[in-house]
C-alpha atoms as a PDB file:
ATOM      1  CA  MET A   1      29.372   0.838  -8.763  1.00  0.00           C
ATOM      2  CA  LYS A   2      26.917   2.664  -6.545  1.00  0.00           C
ATOM      3  CA  LYS A   3      25.903   0.755  -3.440  1.00  0.00           C
ATOM      4  CA  SER A   4      22.258  -0.316  -3.116  1.00  0.00           C
ATOM      5  CA  ARG A   5      21.137  -0.348   0.500  1.00  0.00           C
ATOM      6  CA  ILE A   6      18.023  -2.342  -0.347  1.00  0.00           C
ATOM      7  CA  LEU A   7      19.743  -5.105  -2.336  1.00  0.00           C
ATOM      8  CA  ASP A   8      22.943  -5.177  -0.281  1.00  0.00           C
ATOM      9  CA  GLY A   9      21.160  -5.124   3.075  1.00  0.00           C
ATOM     10  CA  VAL A  10      20.068  -8.741   2.787  1.00  0.00           C
ATOM     11  CA  ASN A  11      23.759  -9.748   2.626  1.00  0.00           C
ATOM     12  CA  GLN A  12      24.024  -8.849   6.319  1.00  0.00           C
ATOM     13  CA  ALA A  13      21.608 -11.644   7.231  1.00  0.00           C
ATOM     14  CA  ARG A  14      23.021 -14.792   8.814  1.00  0.00           C
ATOM     15  CA  PHE A  15      20.143 -16.687   7.207  1.00  0.00           C
ATOM     16  CA  VAL A  16      18.377 -15.841   3.951  1.00  0.00           C
ATOM     17  CA  PRO A  17      15.344 -18.062   3.318  1.00  0.00           C
ATOM     18  CA  PRO A  18      15.186 -20.042   0.056  1.00  0.00           C
ATOM     19  CA  TYR A  19      12.946 -18.593  -2.648  1.00  0.00           C
ATOM     20  CA  ILE A  20       9.895 -20.818  -2.015  1.00  0.00           C
ATOM     21  CA  LEU A  21      10.166 -20.373   1.749  1.00  0.00           C
ATOM     22  CA  SER A  22      10.290 -16.590   1.323  1.00  0.00           C
ATOM     23  CA  LEU A  23       6.946 -16.721  -0.496  1.00  0.00           C
ATOM     24  CA  LEU A  24       5.406 -18.774   2.307  1.00  0.00           C
ATOM     25  CA  LEU A  25       6.839 -16.441   4.929  1.00  0.00           C
ATOM     26  CA  ALA A  26       5.395 -13.382   3.172  1.00  0.00           C
ATOM     27  CA  VAL A  27       1.942 -14.990   3.240  1.00  0.00           C
ATOM     28  CA  ILE A  28       2.416 -15.920   6.909  1.00  0.00           C
ATOM     29  CA  PHE A  29       3.392 -12.350   7.809  1.00  0.00           C
ATOM     30  CA  VAL A  30       0.253 -11.020   6.125  1.00  0.00           C
ATOM     31  CA  GLN A  31      -2.279 -13.644   7.204  1.00  0.00           C
ATOM     32  CA  GLY A  32      -0.739 -14.211  10.618  1.00  0.00           C
ATOM     33  CA  GLY A  33      -0.582 -10.487  11.282  1.00  0.00           C
ATOM     34  CA  GLN A  34      -4.258 -10.140  10.432  1.00  0.00           C
ATOM     35  CA  GLN A  35      -5.188 -12.980  12.798  1.00  0.00           C
ATOM     36  CA  LEU A  36      -3.129 -11.444  15.606  1.00  0.00           C
ATOM     37  CA  ALA A  37      -4.827  -8.112  14.969  1.00  0.00           C
ATOM     38  CA  TYR A  38      -8.253  -9.723  15.260  1.00  0.00           C
ATOM     39  CA  LEU A  39      -7.369 -11.454  18.536  1.00  0.00           C
ATOM     40  CA  ALA A  40      -5.872  -8.288  20.008  1.00  0.00           C
ATOM     41  CA  LEU A  41      -8.384  -5.702  18.803  1.00  0.00           C
ATOM     42  CA  GLU A  42     -11.643  -7.616  19.182  1.00  0.00           C
ATOM     43  CA  PRO A  43     -11.711  -7.223  22.999  1.00  0.00           C
ATOM     44  CA  ILE A  44     -10.801  -3.538  22.662  1.00  0.00           C
ATOM     45  CA  SER A  45     -13.628  -3.070  20.165  1.00  0.00           C
ATOM     46  CA  ALA A  46     -16.062  -4.711  22.581  1.00  0.00           C
ATOM     47  CA  VAL A  47     -14.980  -2.428  25.438  1.00  0.00           C
ATOM     48  CA  LEU A  48     -15.310   0.671  23.265  1.00  0.00           C
ATOM     49  CA  SER A  49     -18.791  -0.416  22.207  1.00  0.00           C
ATOM     50  CA  LEU A  50     -19.763  -0.570  25.863  1.00  0.00           C
ATOM     51  CA  MET A  51     -18.260   2.877  26.378  1.00  0.00           C
ATOM     52  CA  LEU A  52     -20.560   4.259  23.705  1.00  0.00           C
ATOM     53  CA  GLY A  53     -23.487   3.269  25.855  1.00  0.00           C
ATOM     54  CA  PHE A  54     -22.259   5.646  28.523  1.00  0.00           C
ATOM     55  CA  LEU A  55     -20.942   8.383  26.241  1.00  0.00           C
ATOM     56  CA  GLY A  56     -24.044   8.578  24.061  1.00  0.00           C
ATOM     57  CA  GLN A  57     -24.593   7.570  20.444  1.00  0.00           C
ATOM     58  CA  GLY A  58     -23.347  10.685  18.753  1.00  0.00           C
ATOM     59  CA  GLY A  59     -20.407  12.882  18.040  1.00  0.00           C
ATOM     60  CA  PHE A  60     -16.807  11.955  17.475  1.00  0.00           C
ATOM     61  CA  PHE A  61     -16.880   8.700  19.462  1.00  0.00           C
ATOM     62  CA  GLU A  62     -19.660   7.289  17.304  1.00  0.00           C
ATOM     63  CA  ILE A  63     -17.936   8.349  14.092  1.00  0.00           C
ATOM     64  CA  PHE A  64     -14.603   6.809  15.060  1.00  0.00           C
ATOM     65  CA  PHE A  65     -15.453   3.754  17.092  1.00  0.00           C
ATOM     66  CA  ASN A  66     -18.570   2.553  15.279  1.00  0.00           C
ATOM     67  CA  PHE A  67     -16.672   2.088  12.037  1.00  0.00           C
ATOM     68  CA  ALA A  68     -14.463  -0.897  11.376  1.00  0.00           C
ATOM     69  CA  LEU A  69     -11.994   0.881   9.067  1.00  0.00           C
ATOM     70  CA  PRO A  70      -9.776   2.434  11.784  1.00  0.00           C
ATOM     71  CA  PHE A  71      -9.458  -0.929  13.521  1.00  0.00           C
ATOM     72  CA  LEU A  72      -8.751  -2.673  10.226  1.00  0.00           C
ATOM     73  CA  LEU A  73      -5.974  -0.228   9.334  1.00  0.00           C
ATOM     74  CA  PHE A  74      -4.384  -0.163  12.786  1.00  0.00           C
ATOM     75  CA  GLY A  75      -4.353  -3.953  12.806  1.00  0.00           C
ATOM     76  CA  PHE A  76      -1.588  -3.910  10.201  1.00  0.00           C
ATOM     77  CA  VAL A  77       0.790  -2.996  13.035  1.00  0.00           C
ATOM     78  CA  PHE A  78       0.895  -6.701  13.881  1.00  0.00           C
ATOM     79  CA  MET A  79       2.046  -7.546  10.353  1.00  0.00           C
ATOM     80  CA  ILE A  80       4.912  -5.094  10.792  1.00  0.00           C
ATOM     81  CA  LEU A  81       5.809  -6.566  14.187  1.00  0.00           C
ATOM     82  CA  ALA A  82       5.866 -10.099  12.776  1.00  0.00           C
ATOM     83  CA  LEU A  83       8.214  -9.025   9.985  1.00  0.00           C
ATOM     84  CA  PHE A  84      10.476  -7.074  12.355  1.00  0.00           C
ATOM     85  CA  LEU A  85      10.808 -10.067  14.694  1.00  0.00           C
ATOM     86  CA  TRP A  86      11.796 -12.305  11.775  1.00  0.00           C
ATOM     87  CA  VAL A  87      14.336  -9.859  10.326  1.00  0.00           C
ATOM     88  CA  ARG A  88      15.920  -9.054  13.688  1.00  0.00           C
ATOM     89  CA  TRP A  89      15.995 -12.495  15.322  1.00  0.00           C
ATOM     90  CA  ALA A  90      15.785 -15.091  12.548  1.00  0.00           C
ATOM     91  CA  GLU A  91      17.868 -13.296   9.923  1.00  0.00           C
ATOM     92  CA  GLY A  92      19.930 -11.387  12.473  1.00  0.00           C
ATOM     93  CA  ARG A  93      20.217  -8.164  10.496  1.00  0.00           C
ATOM     94  CA  PRO A  94      19.380  -4.552  11.428  1.00  0.00           C
ATOM     95  CA  LEU A  95      15.941  -3.191  10.597  1.00  0.00           C
ATOM     96  CA  ALA A  96      17.711  -0.351   8.792  1.00  0.00           C
ATOM     97  CA  THR A  97      18.501  -2.817   5.987  1.00  0.00           C
ATOM     98  CA  LEU A  98      14.805  -2.684   5.057  1.00  0.00           C
ATOM     99  CA  GLY A  99      15.373   0.830   3.750  1.00  0.00           C
ATOM    100  CA  PHE A 100      14.825   2.872   6.904  1.00  0.00           C
ATOM    101  CA  VAL A 101      17.137   5.759   6.096  1.00  0.00           C
ATOM    102  CA  LYS A 102      17.175   8.513   8.710  1.00  0.00           C
ATOM    103  CA  LYS A 103      18.669  11.260   6.567  1.00  0.00           C
ATOM    104  CA  GLY A 104      15.977  12.901   4.478  1.00  0.00           C
ATOM    105  CA  SER A 105      13.285  10.466   5.643  1.00  0.00           C
ATOM    106  CA  LEU A 106      10.643  13.170   6.118  1.00  0.00           C
ATOM    107  CA  VAL A 107      11.398  14.653   2.691  1.00  0.00           C
ATOM    108  CA  GLU A 108      11.088  11.231   1.034  1.00  0.00           C
ATOM    109  CA  LEU A 109       7.827  10.537   2.873  1.00  0.00           C
ATOM    110  CA  VAL A 110       6.317  13.867   1.798  1.00  0.00           C
ATOM    111  CA  LYS A 111       7.478  13.317  -1.785  1.00  0.00           C
ATOM    112  CA  GLY A 112       5.897   9.875  -1.733  1.00  0.00           C
ATOM    113  CA  LEU A 113       2.628  11.297  -0.409  1.00  0.00           C
ATOM    114  CA  ALA A 114       2.649  13.867  -3.218  1.00  0.00           C
ATOM    115  CA  VAL A 115       3.352  11.231  -5.888  1.00  0.00           C
ATOM    116  CA  GLY A 116       0.604   8.943  -4.600  1.00  0.00           C
ATOM    117  CA  PHE A 117      -1.916  11.785  -4.496  1.00  0.00           C
ATOM    118  CA  LEU A 118      -0.943  12.942  -8.003  1.00  0.00           C
ATOM    119  CA  LEU A 119      -1.201   9.446  -9.516  1.00  0.00           C
ATOM    120  CA  PHE A 120      -4.665   8.795  -8.174  1.00  0.00           C
ATOM    121  CA  SER A 121      -5.850  12.321  -8.937  1.00  0.00           C
ATOM    122  CA  LEU A 122      -4.975  11.627 -12.578  1.00  0.00           C
ATOM    123  CA  VAL A 123      -7.146   8.494 -12.450  1.00  0.00           C
ATOM    124  CA  ALA A 124     -10.019  10.542 -11.015  1.00  0.00           C
ATOM    125  CA  LEU A 125      -9.501  13.249 -13.651  1.00  0.00           C
ATOM    126  CA  LEU A 126      -9.716  10.698 -16.486  1.00  0.00           C
ATOM    127  CA  MET A 127     -12.955   9.359 -15.037  1.00  0.00           C
ATOM    128  CA  LEU A 128     -14.377  12.853 -14.970  1.00  0.00           C
ATOM    129  CA  LEU A 129     -13.207  13.860 -18.452  1.00  0.00           C
ATOM    130  CA  SER A 130     -14.399  10.597 -20.033  1.00  0.00           C
ATOM    131  CA  GLY A 131     -17.868  10.964 -18.571  1.00  0.00           C
ATOM    132  CA  ALA A 132     -17.530   7.683 -16.653  1.00  0.00           C
ATOM    133  CA  GLY A 133     -18.490   9.483 -13.470  1.00  0.00           C
ATOM    134  CA  SER A 134     -18.722  12.748 -11.603  1.00  0.00           C
ATOM    135  CA  PHE A 135     -17.992  14.004  -8.116  1.00  0.00           C
ATOM    136  CA  GLU A 136     -20.037  15.892  -5.582  1.00  0.00           C
ATOM    137  CA  TRP A 137     -19.005  17.382  -2.264  1.00  0.00           C
ATOM    138  CA  GLY A 138     -19.548  15.234   0.788  1.00  0.00           C
ATOM    139  CA  GLN A 139     -21.526  16.497   3.763  1.00  0.00           C
ATOM    140  CA  LEU A 140     -18.548  17.322   5.964  1.00  0.00           C
ATOM    141  CA  THR A 141     -18.870  18.781   9.435  1.00  0.00           C
ATOM    142  CA  LEU A 142     -16.012  19.160  11.900  1.00  0.00           C
ATOM    143  CA  GLU A 143     -16.235  15.645  13.323  1.00  0.00           C
ATOM    144  CA  PRO A 144     -16.166  13.751   9.984  1.00  0.00           C
ATOM    145  CA  PHE A 145     -13.319  16.044   8.871  1.00  0.00           C
ATOM    146  CA  LEU A 146     -11.282  15.146  11.970  1.00  0.00           C
ATOM    147  CA  TYR A 147     -12.052  11.486  11.334  1.00  0.00           C
ATOM    148  CA  ILE A 148     -10.639  11.771   7.803  1.00  0.00           C
ATOM    149  CA  LEU A 149      -7.465  13.444   9.090  1.00  0.00           C
ATOM    150  CA  ILE A 150      -6.929  10.691  11.663  1.00  0.00           C
ATOM    151  CA  LEU A 151      -7.210   8.061   8.945  1.00  0.00           C
ATOM    152  CA  LEU A 152      -4.139   9.335   7.054  1.00  0.00           C
ATOM    153  CA  PRO A 153      -1.559   8.021   9.562  1.00  0.00           C
ATOM    154  CA  LEU A 154      -3.576   4.788   9.766  1.00  0.00           C
ATOM    155  CA  TRP A 155      -3.341   4.425   5.982  1.00  0.00           C
ATOM    156  CA  MET A 156       0.423   4.889   6.440  1.00  0.00           C
ATOM    157  CA  ILE A 157       0.467   1.930   8.813  1.00  0.00           C
ATOM    158  CA  GLN A 158      -1.534  -0.201   6.379  1.00  0.00           C
ATOM    159  CA  GLY A 159       0.427   0.821   3.297  1.00  0.00           C
ATOM    160  CA  GLY A 160       3.703   0.632   5.191  1.00  0.00           C
ATOM    161  CA  ALA A 161       3.014  -2.927   6.321  1.00  0.00           C
ATOM    162  CA  GLU A 162       2.312  -4.161   2.793  1.00  0.00           C
ATOM    163  CA  GLU A 163       5.308  -2.320   1.354  1.00  0.00           C
ATOM    164  CA  LEU A 164       7.659  -3.628   4.029  1.00  0.00           C
ATOM    165  CA  VAL A 165       6.625  -7.247   3.484  1.00  0.00           C
ATOM    166  CA  THR A 166       6.310  -7.404  -0.308  1.00  0.00           C
ATOM    167  CA  ARG A 167       8.840  -4.762  -1.329  1.00  0.00           C
ATOM    168  CA  ALA A 168      11.443  -3.902   1.325  1.00  0.00           C
ATOM    169  CA  TRP A 169      11.812  -7.514   2.507  1.00  0.00           C
ATOM    170  CA  LEU A 170      10.603  -9.916  -0.212  1.00  0.00           C
ATOM    171  CA  LEU A 171      12.054  -8.076  -3.220  1.00  0.00           C
ATOM    172  CA  PRO A 172      15.748  -8.159  -2.180  1.00  0.00           C
ATOM    173  CA  VAL A 173      15.431 -11.706  -0.818  1.00  0.00           C
ATOM    174  CA  ALA A 174      13.909 -12.912  -4.113  1.00  0.00           C
ATOM    175  CA  VAL A 175      16.532 -11.030  -6.134  1.00  0.00           C
ATOM    176  CA  LYS A 176      19.351 -12.609  -4.110  1.00  0.00           C
ATOM    177  CA  LYS A 177      17.953 -16.111  -4.614  1.00  0.00           C
ATOM    178  CA  THR A 178      17.092 -15.624  -8.318  1.00  0.00           C
ATOM    179  CA  ASN A 179      17.655 -12.414 -10.309  1.00  0.00           C
ATOM    180  CA  LEU A 180      16.190  -8.930 -10.707  1.00  0.00           C
ATOM    181  CA  PRO A 181      13.408  -9.712 -13.249  1.00  0.00           C
ATOM    182  CA  ILE A 182      12.145 -12.660 -11.200  1.00  0.00           C
ATOM    183  CA  GLY A 183      12.406 -10.605  -8.022  1.00  0.00           C
ATOM    184  CA  LEU A 184      10.322  -7.788  -9.525  1.00  0.00           C
ATOM    185  CA  LEU A 185       7.760 -10.263 -10.861  1.00  0.00           C
ATOM    186  CA  THR A 186       7.583 -12.088  -7.532  1.00  0.00           C
ATOM    187  CA  SER A 187       7.089  -8.955  -5.454  1.00  0.00           C
ATOM    188  CA  SER A 188       4.431  -7.524  -7.783  1.00  0.00           C
ATOM    189  CA  LEU A 189       2.438 -10.723  -8.355  1.00  0.00           C
ATOM    190  CA  LEU A 190       2.414 -11.871  -4.737  1.00  0.00           C
ATOM    191  CA  PHE A 191       1.305  -8.408  -3.689  1.00  0.00           C
ATOM    192  CA  ALA A 192      -1.612  -8.673  -6.125  1.00  0.00           C
ATOM    193  CA  LEU A 193      -2.500 -12.261  -5.191  1.00  0.00           C
ATOM    194  CA  LEU A 194      -2.687 -11.339  -1.514  1.00  0.00           C
ATOM    195  CA  HIS A 195      -5.810  -9.343  -2.458  1.00  0.00           C
ATOM    196  CA  LEU A 196      -7.673 -12.386  -3.821  1.00  0.00           C
ATOM    197  CA  GLY A 197      -9.851 -12.519  -0.715  1.00  0.00           C
ATOM    198  CA  ASN A 198     -11.100  -8.945  -1.169  1.00  0.00           C
ATOM    199  CA  SER A 199     -14.701  -8.309  -2.130  1.00  0.00           C
ATOM    200  CA  ASP A 200     -15.519  -8.004  -5.860  1.00  0.00           C
ATOM    201  CA  ILE A 201     -12.004  -8.972  -6.948  1.00  0.00           C
ATOM    202  CA  GLY A 202     -11.468  -9.728 -10.651  1.00  0.00           C
ATOM    203  CA  ILE A 203      -8.829  -9.989 -13.343  1.00  0.00           C
ATOM    204  CA  LEU A 204      -8.493  -6.258 -14.042  1.00  0.00           C
ATOM    205  CA  PRO A 205      -7.988  -5.248 -10.399  1.00  0.00           C
ATOM    206  CA  ILE A 206      -5.406  -8.020  -9.984  1.00  0.00           C
ATOM    207  CA  VAL A 207      -3.543  -6.687 -13.036  1.00  0.00           C
ATOM    208  CA  ASN A 208      -3.720  -3.119 -11.745  1.00  0.00           C
ATOM    209  CA  ILE A 209      -2.553  -4.042  -8.244  1.00  0.00           C
ATOM    210  CA  ALA A 210       0.371  -5.925  -9.805  1.00  0.00           C
ATOM    211  CA  LEU A 211       1.183  -2.819 -11.878  1.00  0.00           C
ATOM    212  CA  PHE A 212       1.134  -0.722  -8.726  1.00  0.00           C
ATOM    213  CA  GLY A 213       3.473  -3.256  -7.148  1.00  0.00           C
ATOM    214  CA  LEU A 214       5.862  -3.047 -10.103  1.00  0.00           C
ATOM    215  CA  PHE A 215       5.866   0.757  -9.953  1.00  0.00           C
ATOM    216  CA  ALA A 216       6.495   0.671  -6.193  1.00  0.00           C
ATOM    217  CA  SER A 217       9.360  -1.820  -6.665  1.00  0.00           C
ATOM    218  CA  LEU A 218      11.066   0.384  -9.251  1.00  0.00           C
ATOM    219  CA  TYR A 219      10.520   3.468  -7.087  1.00  0.00           C
ATOM    220  CA  LEU A 220      12.094   1.678  -4.113  1.00  0.00           C
ATOM    221  CA  LEU A 221      15.126   0.630  -6.147  1.00  0.00           C
ATOM    222  CA  ARG A 222      15.550   4.125  -7.577  1.00  0.00           C
ATOM    223  CA  THR A 223      15.263   5.996  -4.252  1.00  0.00           C
ATOM    224  CA  ASP A 224      16.870   3.232  -2.130  1.00  0.00           C
ATOM    225  CA  ASN A 225      14.586   4.394   0.667  1.00  0.00           C
ATOM    226  CA  VAL A 226      11.438   2.757   2.040  1.00  0.00           C
ATOM    227  CA  TRP A 227       9.810   6.000   3.215  1.00  0.00           C
ATOM    228  CA  GLY A 228       8.919   7.064  -0.313  1.00  0.00           C
ATOM    229  CA  ILE A 229       6.888   3.972  -1.181  1.00  0.00           C
ATOM    230  CA  ILE A 230       5.170   4.077   2.209  1.00  0.00           C
ATOM    231  CA  GLY A 231       4.033   7.602   1.341  1.00  0.00           C
ATOM    232  CA  ILE A 232       2.918   6.608  -2.167  1.00  0.00           C
ATOM    233  CA  HIS A 233       0.891   3.640  -0.948  1.00  0.00           C
ATOM    234  CA  ALA A 234      -0.726   5.609   1.871  1.00  0.00           C
ATOM    235  CA  ALA A 235      -1.634   8.580  -0.344  1.00  0.00           C
ATOM    236  CA  TRP A 236      -2.959   6.323  -3.133  1.00  0.00           C
ATOM    237  CA  ASN A 237      -5.374   4.587  -0.728  1.00  0.00           C
ATOM    238  CA  PHE A 238      -6.246   7.719   1.244  1.00  0.00           C
ATOM    239  CA  SER A 239      -6.940   9.691  -1.934  1.00  0.00           C
ATOM    240  CA  GLN A 240      -9.179   7.106  -3.564  1.00  0.00           C
ATOM    241  CA  GLY A 241     -11.087   6.384  -0.364  1.00  0.00           C
ATOM    242  CA  ASN A 242     -11.290   9.482   1.801  1.00  0.00           C
ATOM    243  CA  ILE A 243     -10.809  12.217  -0.781  1.00  0.00           C
ATOM    244  CA  TYR A 244     -12.517  10.946  -3.944  1.00  0.00           C
ATOM    245  CA  GLY A 245     -14.994   8.563  -2.322  1.00  0.00           C
ATOM    246  CA  PHE A 246     -14.165   5.233  -4.004  1.00  0.00           C
ATOM    247  CA  SER A 247     -13.988   1.865  -2.330  1.00  0.00           C
ATOM    248  CA  VAL A 248     -10.373   0.910  -1.623  1.00  0.00           C
ATOM    249  CA  SER A 249      -9.598  -2.539  -3.029  1.00  0.00           C
ATOM    250  CA  GLY A 250     -13.161  -3.629  -2.365  1.00  0.00           C
ATOM    251  CA  ILE A 251     -13.331  -2.044   1.109  1.00  0.00           C
ATOM    252  CA  GLY A 252     -15.922   0.694   1.489  1.00  0.00           C
ATOM    253  CA  VAL A 253     -15.075   3.953   3.251  1.00  0.00           C
ATOM    254  CA  ASP A 254     -17.288   5.747   5.736  1.00  0.00           C
ATOM    255  CA  THR A 255     -16.560   9.395   5.022  1.00  0.00           C
ATOM    256  CA  ALA A 256     -14.941  11.255   2.112  1.00  0.00           C
ATOM    257  CA  VAL A 257     -14.379  14.828   0.982  1.00  0.00           C
ATOM    258  CA  LEU A 258     -15.984  13.973  -2.384  1.00  0.00           C
ATOM    259  CA  ASN A 259     -18.475  11.304  -3.418  1.00  0.00           C
ATOM    260  CA  PHE A 260     -18.012   9.510  -6.735  1.00  0.00           C
ATOM    261  CA  ILE A 261     -21.180   9.222  -8.825  1.00  0.00           C
ATOM    262  CA  PRO A 262     -20.796   6.596 -11.605  1.00  0.00           C
ATOM    263  CA  LYS A 263     -22.352   7.583 -14.956  1.00  0.00           C
ATOM    264  CA  SER A 264     -21.545   4.356 -16.785  1.00  0.00           C
ATOM    265  CA  GLU A 265     -22.733   0.793 -16.221  1.00  0.00           C
ATOM    266  CA  TRP A 266     -19.373  -0.587 -17.378  1.00  0.00           C
ATOM    267  CA  SER A 267     -17.336  -1.480 -14.306  1.00  0.00           C
ATOM    268  CA  TRP A 268     -14.118  -1.577 -16.347  1.00  0.00           C
ATOM    269  CA  LEU A 269     -14.545   2.197 -16.660  1.00  0.00           C
ATOM    270  CA  THR A 270     -15.829   3.114 -13.188  1.00  0.00           C
ATOM    271  CA  GLY A 271     -14.212   0.315 -11.198  1.00  0.00           C
ATOM    272  CA  GLY A 272     -17.566  -0.901  -9.911  1.00  0.00           C
ATOM    273  CA  ALA A 273     -17.887  -2.047  -6.311  1.00  0.00           C
ATOM    274  CA  PHE A 274     -14.165  -2.826  -6.051  1.00  0.00           C
ATOM    275  CA  GLY A 275     -13.200   0.803  -6.578  1.00  0.00           C
ATOM    276  CA  ALA A 276     -11.077   2.686  -9.068  1.00  0.00           C
ATOM    277  CA  GLU A 277      -8.338   0.052  -8.980  1.00  0.00           C
ATOM    278  CA  ALA A 278     -10.670  -2.048 -11.138  1.00  0.00           C
ATOM    279  CA  SER A 279     -10.815   0.676 -13.813  1.00  0.00           C
ATOM    280  CA  ILE A 280      -8.964   0.787 -17.126  1.00  0.00           C
ATOM    281  CA  PHE A 281      -7.991   4.346 -16.204  1.00  0.00           C
ATOM    282  CA  SER A 282      -5.905   3.024 -13.316  1.00  0.00           C
ATOM    283  CA  SER A 283      -4.256   0.636 -15.792  1.00  0.00           C
ATOM    284  CA  LEU A 284      -3.350   3.537 -18.085  1.00  0.00           C
ATOM    285  CA  ILE A 285      -1.922   5.794 -15.356  1.00  0.00           C
ATOM    286  CA  LEU A 286       0.060   2.981 -13.709  1.00  0.00           C
ATOM    287  CA  LEU A 287       1.470   1.806 -17.049  1.00  0.00           C
ATOM    288  CA  ILE A 288       2.600   5.345 -17.842  1.00  0.00           C
ATOM    289  CA  ALA A 289       4.148   5.620 -14.364  1.00  0.00           C
ATOM    290  CA  VAL A 290       6.016   2.306 -14.780  1.00  0.00           C
ATOM    291  CA  PHE A 291       7.364   3.207 -18.243  1.00  0.00           C
ATOM    292  CA  TYR A 292       8.352   6.701 -17.108  1.00  0.00           C
ATOM    293  CA  LEU A 293      10.269   5.365 -14.115  1.00  0.00           C
ATOM    294  CA  HIS A 294      11.901   2.668 -16.247  1.00  0.00           C
ATOM    295  CA  PHE A 295      12.944   5.324 -18.789  1.00  0.00           C
ATOM    296  CA  LYS A 296      14.400   7.570 -16.071  1.00  0.00           C
ATOM    297  CA  MET A 297      16.345   4.671 -14.529  1.00  0.00           C
ATOM    298  CA  LYS A 298      17.776   3.646 -17.896  1.00  0.00           C
ATOM    299  CA  LYS A 299      18.674   7.231 -18.744  1.00  0.00           C
ATOM    300  CA  ASP A 300      20.585   7.902 -15.509  1.00  0.00           C
ATOM    301  CA  GLY A 301      22.209   4.463 -15.528  1.00  0.00           C
ATOM    302  CA  SER A 302      20.747   3.351 -12.193  1.00  0.00           C
ATOM    303  CA  LEU A 303      18.889   0.424 -13.771  1.00  0.00           C
ATOM    304  CA  THR A 304      22.079  -0.865 -15.388  1.00  0.00           C
ATOM    305  CA  GLU A 305      23.887  -0.666 -12.038  1.00  0.00           C
ATOM    306  CA  ILE A 306      21.081  -2.504 -10.249  1.00  0.00           C
ATOM    307  CA  VAL A 307      20.957  -5.234 -12.901  1.00  0.00           C
ATOM    308  CA  GLY A 308      24.708  -5.665 -12.684  1.00  0.00           C
ATOM    309  CA  LYS A 309      24.594  -5.864  -8.914  1.00  0.00           C
ATOM    310  CA  SER A 310      21.834  -8.492  -8.967  1.00  0.00           C
ATOM    311  CA  GLN A 311      23.717 -10.840 -11.283  1.00  0.00           C
END
């Protein structure tokens, strides 16, 4: 039977938390990391605001430092650090067991970025073809364009943090303590529920975020490599926010290549203030992606191997 780095890696831990404790720890990593980010970055933000007084209220410094999004995204570093400390010192296992595979890592990351961009582009295309909305070019000069480029690695930090906690760590721990179906359900649902505090959240966006989580879980199990899902998550958020001009899970973006112009009053079509993740078109594309990946894994036998290994 083919070895699964993701599922087998947790066996190297000297301590694997019980199922309920793993859920609490995942929430602590997320919420605690956000609080640490606030405490660490708030003074830096204040200093940079003072710097603007000397540098002038224009140009690149104003674009970058006057917006909260870069600070919000970079703050997810503290979530990653909290998880790494737990895995290394509490569980006593190498960080490589989270799916950090050196060989082919750049290829997997680029493939993930391409998949994430393609998936969301299909959502945007359905919105356009259905008449739910249209797009117009944003007013991009050099400085906003540079700002958008800088945001891509920051989206990788944000997406990487969420994928590491809810997929690379929680999924194999939950599978070990229960079974594969419960592990997949746990990873996907907790990932969705962690967004309950976002602005304009509702039932449809929760369902869609859970579907994204299920797709990401299957993708991780199929590739056995965390770099791919980091790329998918980053490209999905970057595309909807800074390319197509939607809010990202209820968080508005400052600058985008395109601006989305809703043509319908029905938020279940356009996504409303929450963004495209609250649209039925996201549901359709993510469902197709989940069923396609499930079909591929059944066809090549990898799903059967993973199920057998988890029992």
